[in-house]
């Protein structure tokens, strides 16, 4: 099982946190889940499903990708355009 980012909500609360599969797997093991149950939960999360177990609601977290600093708007002045026309 690969480590995947997760969004976790404790049932009955409005706040959500971001964590990862390895951290949640350790918690679920302490709460008595067998390896086969953990595998099923992992597969459901990987398929994009919302999983509720042992008082936790789990979903795969897909952070938005910010392209600031990678892609920038190019700007040219009227003089650049005039120079291209002379060539």
N, C-alpha and C. Protein backbone atom coordinates (compact mmCIF):
# COMPACT_ATOMS: atom_id res chain seq x y z
N UNK A 1 0.84 -1.18 0.00
CA UNK A 1 0.00 0.00 0.00
C UNK A 1 0.88 1.24 0.00
N UNK A 2 0.58 2.15 -0.92
CA UNK A 2 1.31 3.41 -0.97
C UNK A 2 0.69 4.39 0.02
N UNK A 3 1.47 5.34 0.44
CA UNK A 3 0.96 6.39 1.30
C UNK A 3 0.17 7.38 0.45
N UNK A 4 -1.04 7.69 0.85
CA UNK A 4 -1.87 8.65 0.11
C UNK A 4 -2.34 9.73 1.07
N UNK A 5 -2.48 10.96 0.60
CA UNK A 5 -2.98 12.03 1.47
C UNK A 5 -4.47 11.83 1.73
N UNK A 6 -4.88 12.07 2.96
CA UNK A 6 -6.28 11.89 3.35
C UNK A 6 -6.82 13.13 4.03
N UNK A 7 -8.13 13.29 3.89
CA UNK A 7 -8.84 14.29 4.66
C UNK A 7 -9.70 13.51 5.65
N UNK A 8 -9.61 13.84 6.92
CA UNK A 8 -10.26 13.07 7.98
C UNK A 8 -11.18 13.98 8.78
N UNK A 9 -12.35 13.43 9.08
CA UNK A 9 -13.32 14.12 9.91
C UNK A 9 -13.71 13.17 11.03
N UNK A 10 -13.61 13.65 12.27
CA UNK A 10 -14.10 12.86 13.40
C UNK A 10 -15.60 13.04 13.42
N UNK A 11 -16.33 11.93 13.42
CA UNK A 11 -17.78 11.99 13.34
C UNK A 11 -18.35 12.86 14.47
N UNK A 12 -19.28 13.72 14.10
CA UNK A 12 -19.92 14.61 15.05
C UNK A 12 -19.25 15.96 15.16
N UNK A 13 -18.15 16.16 14.44
CA UNK A 13 -17.45 17.44 14.45
C UNK A 13 -17.43 18.02 13.04
N UNK A 14 -17.35 19.33 12.96
CA UNK A 14 -17.33 19.99 11.65
C UNK A 14 -15.95 20.16 11.06
N UNK A 15 -14.93 20.14 11.88
CA UNK A 15 -13.57 20.40 11.38
C UNK A 15 -13.00 19.16 10.69
N UNK A 16 -12.14 19.42 9.72
CA UNK A 16 -11.46 18.35 8.98
C UNK A 16 -9.97 18.61 9.05
N UNK A 17 -9.21 17.54 9.02
CA UNK A 17 -7.75 17.68 9.01
C UNK A 17 -7.19 16.91 7.82
N UNK A 18 -6.00 17.29 7.40
CA UNK A 18 -5.29 16.56 6.36
C UNK A 18 -4.20 15.74 7.03
N UNK A 19 -4.13 14.49 6.66
CA UNK A 19 -3.11 13.58 7.17
C UNK A 19 -2.77 12.59 6.06
N UNK A 20 -2.20 11.46 6.41
CA UNK A 20 -1.88 10.48 5.37
C UNK A 20 -2.30 9.09 5.80
N UNK A 21 -2.25 8.17 4.84
CA UNK A 21 -2.73 6.82 5.07
C UNK A 21 -1.93 6.11 6.16
N UNK A 22 -0.62 6.27 6.19
CA UNK A 22 0.19 5.55 7.17
C UNK A 22 -0.18 5.94 8.60
N UNK A 23 -0.45 7.21 8.83
CA UNK A 23 -0.85 7.66 10.17
C UNK A 23 -2.21 7.10 10.56
N UNK A 24 -3.15 7.16 9.62
CA UNK A 24 -4.50 6.66 9.91
C UNK A 24 -4.50 5.14 10.05
N UNK A 25 -3.69 4.45 9.25
CA UNK A 25 -3.61 3.00 9.34
C UNK A 25 -3.15 2.58 10.74
N UNK A 26 -2.17 3.30 11.29
CA UNK A 26 -1.68 2.98 12.64
C UNK A 26 -2.79 3.17 13.67
N UNK A 27 -3.57 4.23 13.52
CA UNK A 27 -4.69 4.48 14.45
C UNK A 27 -5.73 3.38 14.34
N UNK A 28 -6.07 3.00 13.10
CA UNK A 28 -7.08 1.97 12.90
C UNK A 28 -6.62 0.60 13.41
N UNK A 29 -5.32 0.32 13.30
CA UNK A 29 -4.79 -0.93 13.86
C UNK A 29 -4.97 -0.95 15.37
N UNK A 30 -4.71 0.20 16.02
CA UNK A 30 -4.88 0.29 17.47
C UNK A 30 -6.34 0.13 17.87
N UNK A 31 -7.25 0.50 16.95
CA UNK A 31 -8.68 0.38 17.23
C UNK A 31 -9.22 -1.00 16.85
N UNK A 32 -8.34 -1.93 16.48
CA UNK A 32 -8.74 -3.32 16.32
C UNK A 32 -9.06 -3.79 14.92
N UNK A 33 -8.73 -3.05 13.88
CA UNK A 33 -9.00 -3.51 12.53
C UNK A 33 -7.95 -4.52 12.08
N UNK A 34 -8.41 -5.55 11.41
CA UNK A 34 -7.52 -6.58 10.87
C UNK A 34 -6.90 -6.09 9.57
N UNK A 35 -5.83 -6.76 9.13
CA UNK A 35 -5.14 -6.37 7.91
C UNK A 35 -6.08 -6.42 6.70
N UNK A 36 -6.94 -7.40 6.64
CA UNK A 36 -7.87 -7.50 5.50
C UNK A 36 -8.85 -6.32 5.48
N UNK A 37 -9.28 -5.87 6.65
CA UNK A 37 -10.16 -4.70 6.73
C UNK A 37 -9.43 -3.43 6.31
N UNK A 38 -8.17 -3.30 6.72
CA UNK A 38 -7.36 -2.16 6.31
C UNK A 38 -7.17 -2.14 4.80
N UNK A 39 -6.94 -3.30 4.22
CA UNK A 39 -6.77 -3.39 2.77
C UNK A 39 -8.04 -2.96 2.04
N UNK A 40 -9.20 -3.38 2.54
CA UNK A 40 -10.47 -2.99 1.94
C UNK A 40 -10.68 -1.48 2.01
N UNK A 41 -10.38 -0.89 3.17
CA UNK A 41 -10.51 0.56 3.33
C UNK A 41 -9.59 1.29 2.38
N UNK A 42 -8.35 0.82 2.27
CA UNK A 42 -7.37 1.44 1.37
C UNK A 42 -7.86 1.39 -0.07
N UNK A 43 -8.39 0.26 -0.50
CA UNK A 43 -8.87 0.13 -1.87
C UNK A 43 -10.07 1.05 -2.13
N UNK A 44 -10.96 1.17 -1.16
CA UNK A 44 -12.11 2.06 -1.31
C UNK A 44 -11.67 3.51 -1.39
N UNK A 45 -10.70 3.91 -0.57
CA UNK A 45 -10.18 5.28 -0.61
C UNK A 45 -9.50 5.55 -1.96
N UNK A 46 -8.73 4.58 -2.44
CA UNK A 46 -8.05 4.74 -3.72
C UNK A 46 -9.03 4.85 -4.88
N UNK A 47 -10.21 4.29 -4.70
CA UNK A 47 -11.25 4.36 -5.74
C UNK A 47 -12.05 5.66 -5.66
N UNK A 48 -11.71 6.51 -4.69
CA UNK A 48 -12.38 7.80 -4.57
C UNK A 48 -13.62 7.78 -3.69
N UNK A 49 -13.80 6.72 -2.94
CA UNK A 49 -14.98 6.61 -2.08
C UNK A 49 -14.74 7.27 -0.73
N UNK A 50 -15.82 7.70 -0.10
CA UNK A 50 -15.79 8.19 1.28
C UNK A 50 -15.99 6.98 2.18
N UNK A 51 -15.11 6.79 3.16
CA UNK A 51 -15.17 5.63 4.03
C UNK A 51 -15.38 6.10 5.46
N UNK A 52 -16.34 5.48 6.13
CA UNK A 52 -16.58 5.78 7.54
C UNK A 52 -16.33 4.52 8.35
N UNK A 53 -15.42 4.63 9.33
CA UNK A 53 -15.10 3.50 10.18
C UNK A 53 -14.54 3.97 11.51
N UNK A 54 -14.91 3.29 12.56
CA UNK A 54 -14.37 3.56 13.90
C UNK A 54 -14.45 5.03 14.30
N UNK A 55 -15.54 5.70 13.93
CA UNK A 55 -15.74 7.09 14.31
C UNK A 55 -15.03 8.11 13.44
N UNK A 56 -14.46 7.65 12.33
CA UNK A 56 -13.74 8.54 11.42
C UNK A 56 -14.35 8.48 10.03
N UNK A 57 -14.45 9.62 9.39
CA UNK A 57 -14.82 9.68 7.98
C UNK A 57 -13.57 10.02 7.21
N UNK A 58 -13.22 9.19 6.24
CA UNK A 58 -11.97 9.32 5.50
C UNK A 58 -12.25 9.53 4.02
N UNK A 59 -11.47 10.39 3.41
CA UNK A 59 -11.55 10.59 1.96
C UNK A 59 -10.16 10.93 1.46
N UNK A 60 -9.87 10.49 0.23
CA UNK A 60 -8.58 10.85 -0.36
C UNK A 60 -8.55 12.35 -0.59
N UNK A 61 -7.46 12.98 -0.20
CA UNK A 61 -7.31 14.43 -0.31
C UNK A 61 -6.49 14.74 -1.55
N UNK A 62 -7.08 15.52 -2.44
CA UNK A 62 -6.37 15.92 -3.66
C UNK A 62 -6.16 17.43 -3.60
N UNK A 63 -4.98 17.82 -3.13
CA UNK A 63 -4.73 19.27 -3.02
C UNK A 63 -4.73 19.92 -4.39
N UNK A 64 -5.23 21.16 -4.43
CA UNK A 64 -5.21 21.87 -5.69
C UNK A 64 -3.77 22.23 -6.03
N UNK A 65 -3.46 22.15 -7.27
CA UNK A 65 -2.11 22.44 -7.72
C UNK A 65 -2.04 23.91 -8.10
N UNK A 66 -1.17 24.61 -7.42
CA UNK A 66 -0.98 26.02 -7.72
C UNK A 66 0.19 26.16 -8.67
N UNK A 67 -0.02 26.90 -9.72
CA UNK A 67 1.04 27.08 -10.71
C UNK A 67 1.74 28.43 -10.57
N UNK A 68 1.51 29.11 -9.46
CA UNK A 68 2.19 30.39 -9.23
C UNK A 68 3.69 30.16 -9.23
N UNK A 69 4.39 30.96 -9.99
CA UNK A 69 5.83 30.84 -10.06
C UNK A 69 6.31 29.85 -11.11
N UNK A 70 5.42 28.98 -11.57
CA UNK A 70 5.80 28.03 -12.61
C UNK A 70 5.40 28.59 -13.97
N UNK A 71 4.18 29.03 -14.05
CA UNK A 71 3.68 29.63 -15.29
C UNK A 71 3.44 31.10 -15.01
N UNK A 72 3.96 31.93 -15.86
CA UNK A 72 3.76 33.35 -15.66
C UNK A 72 3.24 33.96 -16.95
N UNK A 73 2.53 35.03 -16.79
CA UNK A 73 1.99 35.72 -17.95
C UNK A 73 3.11 36.48 -18.64
N UNK A 74 3.23 36.30 -19.92
CA UNK A 74 4.25 37.04 -20.66
C UNK A 74 3.66 38.36 -21.12
N UNK A 75 4.46 39.37 -21.03
CA UNK A 75 4.00 40.69 -21.42
C UNK A 75 4.98 41.25 -22.45
N UNK A 76 4.44 41.90 -23.43
CA UNK A 76 5.30 42.55 -24.41
C UNK A 76 4.82 43.98 -24.57
N UNK A 77 5.74 44.81 -24.93
CA UNK A 77 5.38 46.21 -25.12
C UNK A 77 5.14 46.47 -26.60
N UNK A 78 4.62 47.64 -26.89
CA UNK A 78 4.37 48.00 -28.30
C UNK A 78 5.67 48.05 -29.10
N UNK A 79 6.79 48.33 -28.42
CA UNK A 79 8.08 48.41 -29.10
C UNK A 79 8.56 47.01 -29.51
N UNK A 80 8.26 46.01 -28.69
CA UNK A 80 8.62 44.63 -29.04
C UNK A 80 7.89 44.22 -30.32
N UNK A 81 6.64 44.54 -30.40
CA UNK A 81 5.83 44.18 -31.56
C UNK A 81 6.35 44.89 -32.83
N UNK A 82 6.69 46.17 -32.69
CA UNK A 82 7.21 46.92 -33.83
C UNK A 82 8.53 46.32 -34.30
N UNK A 83 9.36 45.86 -33.39
CA UNK A 83 10.63 45.25 -33.75
C UNK A 83 10.44 43.94 -34.50
N UNK A 84 9.38 43.18 -34.16
CA UNK A 84 9.12 41.94 -34.86
C UNK A 84 8.65 42.19 -36.29
N UNK A 85 7.98 43.29 -36.51
CA UNK A 85 7.43 43.57 -37.83
C UNK A 85 8.54 43.98 -38.81
N UNK A 86 9.63 44.55 -38.32
CA UNK A 86 10.73 44.99 -39.18
C UNK A 86 11.54 43.82 -39.72
N UNK A 87 11.55 42.73 -39.03
CA UNK A 87 12.42 41.61 -39.41
C UNK A 87 12.02 40.95 -40.69
